Amino acid sequence: MAQYLVYMLKCQDGSLYTGITTDVVRRLREHLAAGPTGARYTRTHPPVALAALWQTEGRAGASRLEYRIKRLTPGQKRSLADEPQGVDRLPGLGEDDRFEPVPADECERLWQEATSPA
């Protein structure tokens, strides 16, 4: 089973964008390029930081987490970004779903890698 990552981006206007990927550095670069491979939302709300990141196995679980995060209020999203280990408290996730928060220093390293010249 493939490893998937669910990520939250902090955007220039303070909003948070959530997505899934198997390669976070590639996906961040797509968002930062503001081209057709990035999300429409991040073209008009440029990302400025990787706010939070979770690892999981399988696309289905990653999609469930993405869906649940996108249904949160902006305040709840900020709280989750500040405390990513709280992901287990979100309602509606499968009993077998396991989401491992990626430490903040690793998120910063990945952001730096994505924003560095290739």
C-alpha atoms as a PDB file:
ATOM      1  CA  MET A   1       0.000   0.000   0.000  1.00  0.00           C
ATOM      2  CA  ALA A   2       1.336   3.435  -0.949  1.00  0.00           C
ATOM      3  CA  GLN A   3       2.110   6.110   1.617  1.00  0.00           C
ATOM      4  CA  TYR A   4       0.034   9.264   1.296  1.00  0.00           C
ATOM      5  CA  LEU A   5       0.514  12.640   2.907  1.00  0.00           C
ATOM      6  CA  VAL A   6      -2.205  15.068   3.916  1.00  0.00           C
ATOM      7  CA  TYR A   7      -0.901  18.619   4.135  1.00  0.00           C
ATOM      8  CA  MET A   8      -2.112  22.026   5.256  1.00  0.00           C
ATOM      9  CA  LEU A   9      -0.645  25.154   3.705  1.00  0.00           C
ATOM     10  CA  LYS A  10      -0.767  28.557   5.330  1.00  0.00           C
ATOM     11  CA  CYS A  11      -1.617  31.095   2.645  1.00  0.00           C
ATOM     12  CA  GLN A  12      -0.598  34.728   2.340  1.00  0.00           C
ATOM     13  CA  ASP A  13      -4.011  35.957   3.535  1.00  0.00           C
ATOM     14  CA  GLY A  14      -3.893  33.702   6.636  1.00  0.00           C
ATOM     15  CA  SER A  15      -6.235  31.052   5.223  1.00  0.00           C
ATOM     16  CA  LEU A  16      -5.354  27.359   5.236  1.00  0.00           C
ATOM     17  CA  TYR A  17      -5.468  25.036   2.223  1.00  0.00           C
ATOM     18  CA  THR A  18      -5.617  21.236   2.618  1.00  0.00           C
ATOM     19  CA  GLY A  19      -4.596  18.602   0.070  1.00  0.00           C
ATOM     20  CA  ILE A  20      -3.189  15.097  -0.370  1.00  0.00           C
ATOM     21  CA  THR A  21      -0.126  13.836  -2.226  1.00  0.00           C
ATOM     22  CA  THR A  22       2.442  11.073  -2.371  1.00  0.00           C
ATOM     23  CA  ASP A  23       5.310  13.574  -2.873  1.00  0.00           C
ATOM     24  CA  VAL A  24       4.975  16.709  -0.758  1.00  0.00           C
ATOM     25  CA  VAL A  25       7.997  18.584  -2.161  1.00  0.00           C
ATOM     26  CA  ARG A  26       6.775  18.128  -5.746  1.00  0.00           C
ATOM     27  CA  ARG A  27       3.249  19.184  -4.776  1.00  0.00           C
ATOM     28  CA  LEU A  28       4.463  22.248  -2.883  1.00  0.00           C
ATOM     29  CA  ARG A  29       6.472  23.324  -5.926  1.00  0.00           C
ATOM     30  CA  GLU A  30       3.361  22.940  -8.084  1.00  0.00           C
ATOM     31  CA  HIS A  31       1.391  25.174  -5.715  1.00  0.00           C
ATOM     32  CA  LEU A  32       4.204  27.731  -5.527  1.00  0.00           C
ATOM     33  CA  ALA A  33       4.540  27.886  -9.331  1.00  0.00           C
ATOM     34  CA  ALA A  34       0.880  29.032  -9.524  1.00  0.00           C
ATOM     35  CA  GLY A  35       0.484  27.166 -12.798  1.00  0.00           C
ATOM     36  CA  PRO A  36      -2.110  24.722 -14.059  1.00  0.00           C
ATOM     37  CA  THR A  37      -0.771  21.801 -11.973  1.00  0.00           C
ATOM     38  CA  GLY A  38      -1.282  23.689  -8.707  1.00  0.00           C
ATOM     39  CA  ALA A  39      -4.678  24.144  -7.092  1.00  0.00           C
ATOM     40  CA  ARG A  40      -6.914  26.958  -8.300  1.00  0.00           C
ATOM     41  CA  TYR A  41      -7.175  28.145  -4.681  1.00  0.00           C
ATOM     42  CA  THR A  42      -3.417  28.535  -4.213  1.00  0.00           C
ATOM     43  CA  ARG A  43      -3.136  30.524  -7.450  1.00  0.00           C
ATOM     44  CA  THR A  44      -5.161  33.298  -5.812  1.00  0.00           C
ATOM     45  CA  HIS A  45      -4.036  32.604  -2.216  1.00  0.00           C
ATOM     46  CA  PRO A  46      -0.261  32.029  -2.476  1.00  0.00           C
ATOM     47  CA  PRO A  47       1.158  29.627   0.135  1.00  0.00           C
ATOM     48  CA  VAL A  48       3.747  30.972   2.561  1.00  0.00           C
ATOM     49  CA  ALA A  49       4.366  27.935   4.808  1.00  0.00           C
ATOM     50  CA  LEU A  50       3.662  24.259   5.318  1.00  0.00           C
ATOM     51  CA  ALA A  51       1.395  24.471   8.377  1.00  0.00           C
ATOM     52  CA  ALA A  52       0.957  20.738   9.113  1.00  0.00           C
ATOM     53  CA  LEU A  53       1.569  17.335   7.557  1.00  0.00           C
ATOM     54  CA  TRP A  54       0.315  13.814   8.300  1.00  0.00           C
ATOM     55  CA  GLN A  55       1.450  10.454   6.900  1.00  0.00           C
ATOM     56  CA  THR A  56      -0.957   7.600   6.266  1.00  0.00           C
ATOM     57  CA  GLU A  57      -1.172   4.475   4.173  1.00  0.00           C
ATOM     58  CA  GLY A  58      -3.660   4.352   1.354  1.00  0.00           C
ATOM     59  CA  ARG A  59      -5.502   6.986  -0.612  1.00  0.00           C
ATOM     60  CA  ALA A  60      -8.892   6.217   0.974  1.00  0.00           C
ATOM     61  CA  GLY A  61      -7.760   7.156   4.490  1.00  0.00           C
ATOM     62  CA  ALA A  62      -5.959  10.249   3.203  1.00  0.00           C
ATOM     63  CA  SER A  63      -9.088  11.320   1.340  1.00  0.00           C
ATOM     64  CA  ARG A  64     -11.216  10.850   4.475  1.00  0.00           C
ATOM     65  CA  LEU A  65      -8.843  13.029   6.486  1.00  0.00           C
ATOM     66  CA  GLU A  66      -8.714  15.702   3.782  1.00  0.00           C
ATOM     67  CA  TYR A  67     -12.531  15.745   3.636  1.00  0.00           C
ATOM     68  CA  ARG A  68     -12.843  16.075   7.435  1.00  0.00           C
ATOM     69  CA  ILE A  69     -10.286  18.878   7.610  1.00  0.00           C
ATOM     70  CA  LYS A  70     -11.959  20.792   4.797  1.00  0.00           C
ATOM     71  CA  ARG A  71     -15.244  20.691   6.759  1.00  0.00           C
ATOM     72  CA  LEU A  72     -13.698  22.359   9.836  1.00  0.00           C
ATOM     73  CA  THR A  73     -14.173  26.033  10.611  1.00  0.00           C
ATOM     74  CA  PRO A  74     -11.168  28.304  10.032  1.00  0.00           C
ATOM     75  CA  GLY A  75     -10.561  28.418  13.802  1.00  0.00           C
ATOM     76  CA  GLN A  76     -10.687  24.626  14.087  1.00  0.00           C
ATOM     77  CA  LYS A  77      -8.229  24.341  11.176  1.00  0.00           C
ATOM     78  CA  ARG A  78      -5.814  26.741  12.893  1.00  0.00           C
ATOM     79  CA  SER A  79      -6.089  24.728  16.119  1.00  0.00           C
ATOM     80  CA  LEU A  80      -5.361  21.513  14.234  1.00  0.00           C
ATOM     81  CA  ALA A  81      -2.369  23.109  12.477  1.00  0.00           C
ATOM     82  CA  ASP A  82      -1.066  24.262  15.875  1.00  0.00           C
ATOM     83  CA  GLU A  83      -1.647  20.808  17.414  1.00  0.00           C
ATOM     84  CA  PRO A  84      -1.408  18.225  14.584  1.00  0.00           C
ATOM     85  CA  GLN A  85      -1.482  15.283  17.018  1.00  0.00           C
ATOM     86  CA  GLY A  86      -5.128  16.231  17.641  1.00  0.00           C
ATOM     87  CA  VAL A  87      -6.019  14.678  14.295  1.00  0.00           C
ATOM     88  CA  ASP A  88      -7.179  11.525  16.086  1.00  0.00           C
ATOM     89  CA  ARG A  89     -10.015  13.499  17.687  1.00  0.00           C
ATOM     90  CA  LEU A  90     -11.637  14.396  14.363  1.00  0.00           C
ATOM     91  CA  PRO A  91     -15.024  12.691  13.937  1.00  0.00           C
ATOM     92  CA  GLY A  92     -15.855  10.520  10.953  1.00  0.00           C
ATOM     93  CA  LEU A  93     -12.504   8.851  10.374  1.00  0.00           C
ATOM     94  CA  GLY A  94     -12.270   5.082   9.967  1.00  0.00           C
ATOM     95  CA  GLU A  95     -11.341   3.005  13.016  1.00  0.00           C
ATOM     96  CA  ASP A  96      -8.390   1.538  11.126  1.00  0.00           C
ATOM     97  CA  ASP A  97      -7.141   4.919   9.880  1.00  0.00           C
ATOM     98  CA  ARG A  98      -3.776   5.887  11.335  1.00  0.00           C
ATOM     99  CA  PHE A  99      -2.420   9.377  10.793  1.00  0.00           C
ATOM    100  CA  GLU A 100       1.101  10.139  11.935  1.00  0.00           C
ATOM    101  CA  PRO A 101       1.848  13.858  12.348  1.00  0.00           C
ATOM    102  CA  VAL A 102       5.150  14.916  10.815  1.00  0.00           C
ATOM    103  CA  PRO A 103       7.239  16.979  13.298  1.00  0.00           C
ATOM    104  CA  ALA A 104       7.343  20.746  12.768  1.00  0.00           C
ATOM    105  CA  ASP A 105      11.095  20.767  12.081  1.00  0.00           C
ATOM    106  CA  GLU A 106      10.606  18.222   9.280  1.00  0.00           C
ATOM    107  CA  CYS A 107       7.757  20.321   7.837  1.00  0.00           C
ATOM    108  CA  GLU A 108      10.104  23.315   7.828  1.00  0.00           C
ATOM    109  CA  ARG A 109      12.844  21.283   6.122  1.00  0.00           C
ATOM    110  CA  LEU A 110      10.412  20.111   3.425  1.00  0.00           C
ATOM    111  CA  TRP A 111       9.195  23.687   2.889  1.00  0.00           C
ATOM    112  CA  GLN A 112      12.787  24.885   2.544  1.00  0.00           C
ATOM    113  CA  GLU A 113      13.507  22.107   0.035  1.00  0.00           C
ATOM    114  CA  ALA A 114      10.428  23.022  -1.999  1.00  0.00           C
ATOM    115  CA  THR A 115      11.246  26.736  -2.035  1.00  0.00           C
ATOM    116  CA  SER A 116      14.955  26.317  -2.837  1.00  0.00           C
ATOM    117  CA  PRO A 117      16.059  26.595  -6.454  1.00  0.00           C
ATOM    118  CA  ALA A 118      16.024  23.139  -8.045  1.00  0.00           C
END
